């Protein structure tokens, strides 16, 4: 076997390790002290890196409002998480009303978090209809597809070197 071809094949295989589809999410935050509300109202216009490539499963929004005065934002965070605390819930206590929103499609964490993902017709797991969360699955769909494509591509490359 030609060593040059083998070296090229190894190089391509190693480069394929970096071939995975990352979830793209908006990432920014504000606190009660902020006067710039771009993160809340228009995440695209946030200066710096407002969109991140996330290696986690969910894009998220956490919105925490004070109960008194009602609706005043204490904390607002857009980001990404592997296992969000809650997928699509609102929790109230005497001090705060906290909105937890999660979704699994590119740039899906764009709303203000007041409306639920189901009201916005965005499913936390990326599928329409009822949510079925199954614990214990080792890979999400994109990782499975990317891994399968790598194996097929490696098989094709090796076949080219074995068959003359």
C-alpha atoms as a PDB file:
ATOM      1  CA  UNK A   1       0.000   0.000   0.000  1.00  0.00           C
ATOM      2  CA  UNK A   2       1.258   3.437  -0.864  1.00  0.00           C
ATOM      3  CA  UNK A   3       2.334   5.206   2.358  1.00  0.00           C
ATOM      4  CA  UNK A   4       1.392   8.579   0.942  1.00  0.00           C
ATOM      5  CA  UNK A   5      -2.212   7.430   0.384  1.00  0.00           C
ATOM      6  CA  UNK A   6      -2.307   5.852   3.824  1.00  0.00           C
ATOM      7  CA  UNK A   7      -1.068   9.094   5.397  1.00  0.00           C
ATOM      8  CA  UNK A   8      -3.745  11.047   3.547  1.00  0.00           C
ATOM      9  CA  UNK A   9      -6.423   8.596   4.703  1.00  0.00           C
ATOM     10  CA  UNK A  10      -5.294   8.902   8.337  1.00  0.00           C
ATOM     11  CA  UNK A  11      -5.292  12.701   8.044  1.00  0.00           C
ATOM     12  CA  UNK A  12      -8.873  12.694   6.691  1.00  0.00           C
ATOM     13  CA  UNK A  13     -10.054  10.313   9.410  1.00  0.00           C
ATOM     14  CA  UNK A  14      -8.547  12.492  12.121  1.00  0.00           C
ATOM     15  CA  UNK A  15     -10.160  15.590  10.632  1.00  0.00           C
ATOM     16  CA  UNK A  16     -13.534  13.815  10.733  1.00  0.00           C
ATOM     17  CA  UNK A  17     -13.308  13.754  14.532  1.00  0.00           C
ATOM     18  CA  UNK A  18     -13.972  17.492  14.419  1.00  0.00           C
ATOM     19  CA  UNK A  19     -17.013  16.955  12.158  1.00  0.00           C
ATOM     20  CA  UNK A  20     -19.947  17.183  14.504  1.00  0.00           C
ATOM     21  CA  UNK A  21     -22.936  19.443  14.351  1.00  0.00           C
ATOM     22  CA  UNK A  22     -22.976  21.808  17.294  1.00  0.00           C
ATOM     23  CA  UNK A  23     -26.177  23.397  18.504  1.00  0.00           C
ATOM     24  CA  UNK A  24     -26.078  27.163  18.035  1.00  0.00           C
ATOM     25  CA  UNK A  25     -27.588  29.194  20.877  1.00  0.00           C
ATOM     26  CA  UNK A  26     -27.887  32.835  21.853  1.00  0.00           C
ATOM     27  CA  UNK A  27     -25.697  33.605  24.852  1.00  0.00           C
ATOM     28  CA  UNK A  28     -25.987  36.775  26.924  1.00  0.00           C
ATOM     29  CA  UNK A  29     -27.199  37.963  30.316  1.00  0.00           C
ATOM     30  CA  UNK A  30     -28.526  40.964  32.179  1.00  0.00           C
ATOM     31  CA  UNK A  31     -29.128  41.737  35.832  1.00  0.00           C
ATOM     32  CA  UNK A  32     -31.319  44.262  37.641  1.00  0.00           C
ATOM     33  CA  UNK A  33     -28.465  46.786  37.451  1.00  0.00           C
ATOM     34  CA  UNK A  34     -28.281  46.688  33.611  1.00  0.00           C
ATOM     35  CA  UNK A  35     -29.816  49.457  31.567  1.00  0.00           C
ATOM     36  CA  UNK A  36     -28.977  47.858  28.190  1.00  0.00           C
ATOM     37  CA  UNK A  37     -31.854  45.466  27.511  1.00  0.00           C
ATOM     38  CA  UNK A  38     -30.608  44.128  24.138  1.00  0.00           C
ATOM     39  CA  UNK A  39     -30.168  40.628  25.559  1.00  0.00           C
ATOM     40  CA  UNK A  40     -33.853  40.586  26.511  1.00  0.00           C
ATOM     41  CA  UNK A  41     -35.350  42.343  23.488  1.00  0.00           C
ATOM     42  CA  UNK A  42     -32.959  41.624  20.582  1.00  0.00           C
ATOM     43  CA  UNK A  43     -30.251  39.013  21.271  1.00  0.00           C
ATOM     44  CA  UNK A  44     -28.901  39.311  17.711  1.00  0.00           C
ATOM     45  CA  UNK A  45     -27.807  42.903  18.389  1.00  0.00           C
ATOM     46  CA  UNK A  46     -25.824  42.104  21.565  1.00  0.00           C
ATOM     47  CA  UNK A  47     -22.224  43.228  21.130  1.00  0.00           C
ATOM     48  CA  UNK A  48     -19.531  40.569  21.233  1.00  0.00           C
ATOM     49  CA  UNK A  49     -20.346  36.924  20.771  1.00  0.00           C
ATOM     50  CA  UNK A  50     -24.136  36.707  21.067  1.00  0.00           C
ATOM     51  CA  UNK A  51     -24.267  33.325  19.259  1.00  0.00           C
ATOM     52  CA  UNK A  52     -22.223  30.391  20.536  1.00  0.00           C
ATOM     53  CA  UNK A  53     -21.607  26.873  19.232  1.00  0.00           C
ATOM     54  CA  UNK A  54     -22.812  24.730  22.080  1.00  0.00           C
ATOM     55  CA  UNK A  55     -21.790  21.110  22.656  1.00  0.00           C
ATOM     56  CA  UNK A  56     -24.735  20.630  25.020  1.00  0.00           C
ATOM     57  CA  UNK A  57     -28.272  19.370  24.267  1.00  0.00           C
ATOM     58  CA  UNK A  58     -30.395  22.463  24.990  1.00  0.00           C
ATOM     59  CA  UNK A  59     -30.496  26.189  24.340  1.00  0.00           C
ATOM     60  CA  UNK A  60     -31.947  27.816  27.450  1.00  0.00           C
ATOM     61  CA  UNK A  61     -33.478  30.981  28.869  1.00  0.00           C
ATOM     62  CA  UNK A  62     -33.800  31.755  32.560  1.00  0.00           C
ATOM     63  CA  UNK A  63     -35.872  34.836  33.391  1.00  0.00           C
ATOM     64  CA  UNK A  64     -36.247  35.816  37.032  1.00  0.00           C
ATOM     65  CA  UNK A  65     -38.638  38.648  37.897  1.00  0.00           C
ATOM     66  CA  UNK A  66     -39.313  40.285  41.244  1.00  0.00           C
ATOM     67  CA  UNK A  67     -42.791  39.785  42.669  1.00  0.00           C
ATOM     68  CA  UNK A  68     -42.655  43.331  44.085  1.00  0.00           C
ATOM     69  CA  UNK A  69     -42.572  45.421  41.967  1.00  0.00           C
ATOM     70  CA  UNK A  70     -44.224  42.908  39.639  1.00  0.00           C
ATOM     71  CA  UNK A  71     -42.455  42.187  36.346  1.00  0.00           C
ATOM     72  CA  UNK A  72     -39.139  43.908  37.214  1.00  0.00           C
ATOM     73  CA  UNK A  73     -36.328  41.723  35.878  1.00  0.00           C
ATOM     74  CA  UNK A  74     -33.802  40.561  38.450  1.00  0.00           C
ATOM     75  CA  UNK A  75     -31.856  38.203  36.145  1.00  0.00           C
ATOM     76  CA  UNK A  76     -32.154  37.181  32.503  1.00  0.00           C
ATOM     77  CA  UNK A  77     -29.770  34.605  31.000  1.00  0.00           C
ATOM     78  CA  UNK A  78     -29.604  33.004  27.548  1.00  0.00           C
ATOM     79  CA  UNK A  79     -27.230  30.084  27.163  1.00  0.00           C
ATOM     80  CA  UNK A  80     -26.964  26.335  26.721  1.00  0.00           C
ATOM     81  CA  UNK A  81     -27.042  23.393  29.102  1.00  0.00           C
ATOM     82  CA  UNK A  82     -26.763  19.620  29.009  1.00  0.00           C
ATOM     83  CA  UNK A  83     -29.494  19.036  31.598  1.00  0.00           C
ATOM     84  CA  UNK A  84     -31.598  22.100  32.385  1.00  0.00           C
ATOM     85  CA  UNK A  85     -33.191  22.262  35.836  1.00  0.00           C
ATOM     86  CA  UNK A  86     -36.613  22.495  34.185  1.00  0.00           C
ATOM     87  CA  UNK A  87     -37.478  22.338  30.480  1.00  0.00           C
ATOM     88  CA  UNK A  88     -40.482  24.643  30.204  1.00  0.00           C
ATOM     89  CA  UNK A  89     -41.845  25.780  33.578  1.00  0.00           C
ATOM     90  CA  UNK A  90     -42.695  28.843  35.639  1.00  0.00           C
ATOM     91  CA  UNK A  91     -41.964  28.723  39.387  1.00  0.00           C
ATOM     92  CA  UNK A  92     -43.246  31.348  41.826  1.00  0.00           C
ATOM     93  CA  UNK A  93     -42.222  32.009  45.410  1.00  0.00           C
ATOM     94  CA  UNK A  94     -42.863  35.067  47.629  1.00  0.00           C
ATOM     95  CA  UNK A  95     -39.841  36.919  46.170  1.00  0.00           C
ATOM     96  CA  UNK A  96     -39.427  35.785  42.550  1.00  0.00           C
ATOM     97  CA  UNK A  97     -41.273  34.500  39.516  1.00  0.00           C
ATOM     98  CA  UNK A  98     -38.800  32.416  37.513  1.00  0.00           C
ATOM     99  CA  UNK A  99     -39.311  31.258  33.934  1.00  0.00           C
ATOM    100  CA  UNK A 100     -37.315  28.245  32.715  1.00  0.00           C
ATOM    101  CA  UNK A 101     -37.305  27.688  28.946  1.00  0.00           C
ATOM    102  CA  UNK A 102     -35.353  25.074  26.965  1.00  0.00           C
ATOM    103  CA  UNK A 103     -35.286  24.024  23.324  1.00  0.00           C
ATOM    104  CA  UNK A 104     -33.067  21.929  21.076  1.00  0.00           C
ATOM    105  CA  UNK A 105     -32.952  23.659  17.686  1.00  0.00           C
ATOM    106  CA  UNK A 106     -30.477  26.244  16.389  1.00  0.00           C
ATOM    107  CA  UNK A 107     -31.085  29.730  17.829  1.00  0.00           C
ATOM    108  CA  UNK A 108     -34.407  28.705  19.372  1.00  0.00           C
ATOM    109  CA  UNK A 109     -33.784  30.603  22.642  1.00  0.00           C
ATOM    110  CA  UNK A 110     -34.797  33.941  21.138  1.00  0.00           C
ATOM    111  CA  UNK A 111     -38.030  34.800  22.955  1.00  0.00           C
ATOM    112  CA  UNK A 112     -38.540  36.815  26.134  1.00  0.00           C
ATOM    113  CA  UNK A 113     -39.356  33.591  28.088  1.00  0.00           C
ATOM    114  CA  UNK A 114     -42.791  34.801  29.197  1.00  0.00           C
ATOM    115  CA  UNK A 115     -44.575  32.596  26.668  1.00  0.00           C
ATOM    116  CA  UNK A 116     -43.943  28.890  27.043  1.00  0.00           C
ATOM    117  CA  UNK A 117     -42.177  26.974  24.298  1.00  0.00           C
ATOM    118  CA  UNK A 118     -45.443  25.183  23.510  1.00  0.00           C
ATOM    119  CA  UNK A 119     -47.219  28.531  23.076  1.00  0.00           C
ATOM    120  CA  UNK A 120     -44.436  29.531  20.674  1.00  0.00           C
ATOM    121  CA  UNK A 121     -44.764  26.126  18.969  1.00  0.00           C
ATOM    122  CA  UNK A 122     -41.165  25.258  19.918  1.00  0.00           C
ATOM    123  CA  UNK A 123     -40.818  21.870  21.530  1.00  0.00           C
ATOM    124  CA  UNK A 124     -38.062  21.455  24.136  1.00  0.00           C
ATOM    125  CA  UNK A 125     -36.922  18.260  22.410  1.00  0.00           C
ATOM    126  CA  UNK A 126     -37.364  19.563  18.857  1.00  0.00           C
ATOM    127  CA  UNK A 127     -40.424  17.451  18.013  1.00  0.00           C
ATOM    128  CA  UNK A 128     -44.031  18.493  17.612  1.00  0.00           C
ATOM    129  CA  UNK A 129     -46.743  16.940  19.738  1.00  0.00           C
ATOM    130  CA  UNK A 130     -46.378  15.370  23.152  1.00  0.00           C
ATOM    131  CA  UNK A 131     -42.948  15.415  24.745  1.00  0.00           C
ATOM    132  CA  UNK A 132     -41.491  12.053  25.524  1.00  0.00           C
ATOM    133  CA  UNK A 133     -38.295  12.256  27.551  1.00  0.00           C
ATOM    134  CA  UNK A 134     -36.485   8.961  27.743  1.00  0.00           C
ATOM    135  CA  UNK A 135     -33.629   8.812  30.270  1.00  0.00           C
ATOM    136  CA  UNK A 136     -30.567   6.711  29.605  1.00  0.00           C
ATOM    137  CA  UNK A 137     -30.062   7.243  25.882  1.00  0.00           C
ATOM    138  CA  UNK A 138     -26.319   7.703  25.363  1.00  0.00           C
ATOM    139  CA  UNK A 139     -26.422   9.906  22.239  1.00  0.00           C
ATOM    140  CA  UNK A 140     -28.717  12.497  20.805  1.00  0.00           C
ATOM    141  CA  UNK A 141     -29.782  12.172  17.163  1.00  0.00           C
ATOM    142  CA  UNK A 142     -27.147  14.470  15.671  1.00  0.00           C
ATOM    143  CA  UNK A 143     -24.314  12.628  17.449  1.00  0.00           C
ATOM    144  CA  UNK A 144     -25.650   9.294  16.174  1.00  0.00           C
ATOM    145  CA  UNK A 145     -25.886  10.569  12.586  1.00  0.00           C
ATOM    146  CA  UNK A 146     -22.433  12.184  12.715  1.00  0.00           C
ATOM    147  CA  UNK A 147     -20.913   8.978  14.143  1.00  0.00           C
ATOM    148  CA  UNK A 148     -22.601   6.848  11.487  1.00  0.00           C
ATOM    149  CA  UNK A 149     -21.378   9.129   8.714  1.00  0.00           C
ATOM    150  CA  UNK A 150     -17.821   8.891  10.063  1.00  0.00           C
ATOM    151  CA  UNK A 151     -17.949   5.100  10.040  1.00  0.00           C
ATOM    152  CA  UNK A 152     -19.317   4.989   6.495  1.00  0.00           C
ATOM    153  CA  UNK A 153     -16.694   7.452   5.282  1.00  0.00           C
ATOM    154  CA  UNK A 154     -13.856   5.559   6.987  1.00  0.00           C
ATOM    155  CA  UNK A 155     -15.126   2.314   5.416  1.00  0.00           C
ATOM    156  CA  UNK A 156     -15.161   3.917   1.972  1.00  0.00           C
ATOM    157  CA  UNK A 157     -11.643   5.277   2.370  1.00  0.00           C
ATOM    158  CA  UNK A 158     -10.274   1.947   3.560  1.00  0.00           C
ATOM    159  CA  UNK A 159     -12.075   0.132   0.720  1.00  0.00           C
ATOM    160  CA  UNK A 160     -10.355   2.421  -1.783  1.00  0.00           C
ATOM    161  CA  UNK A 161      -6.955   1.380  -0.430  1.00  0.00           C
ATOM    162  CA  UNK A 162      -7.679  -2.342  -0.251  1.00  0.00           C
ATOM    163  CA  UNK A 163      -9.343  -2.616  -3.694  1.00  0.00           C
ATOM    164  CA  UNK A 164      -6.980  -1.689  -6.548  1.00  0.00           C
END
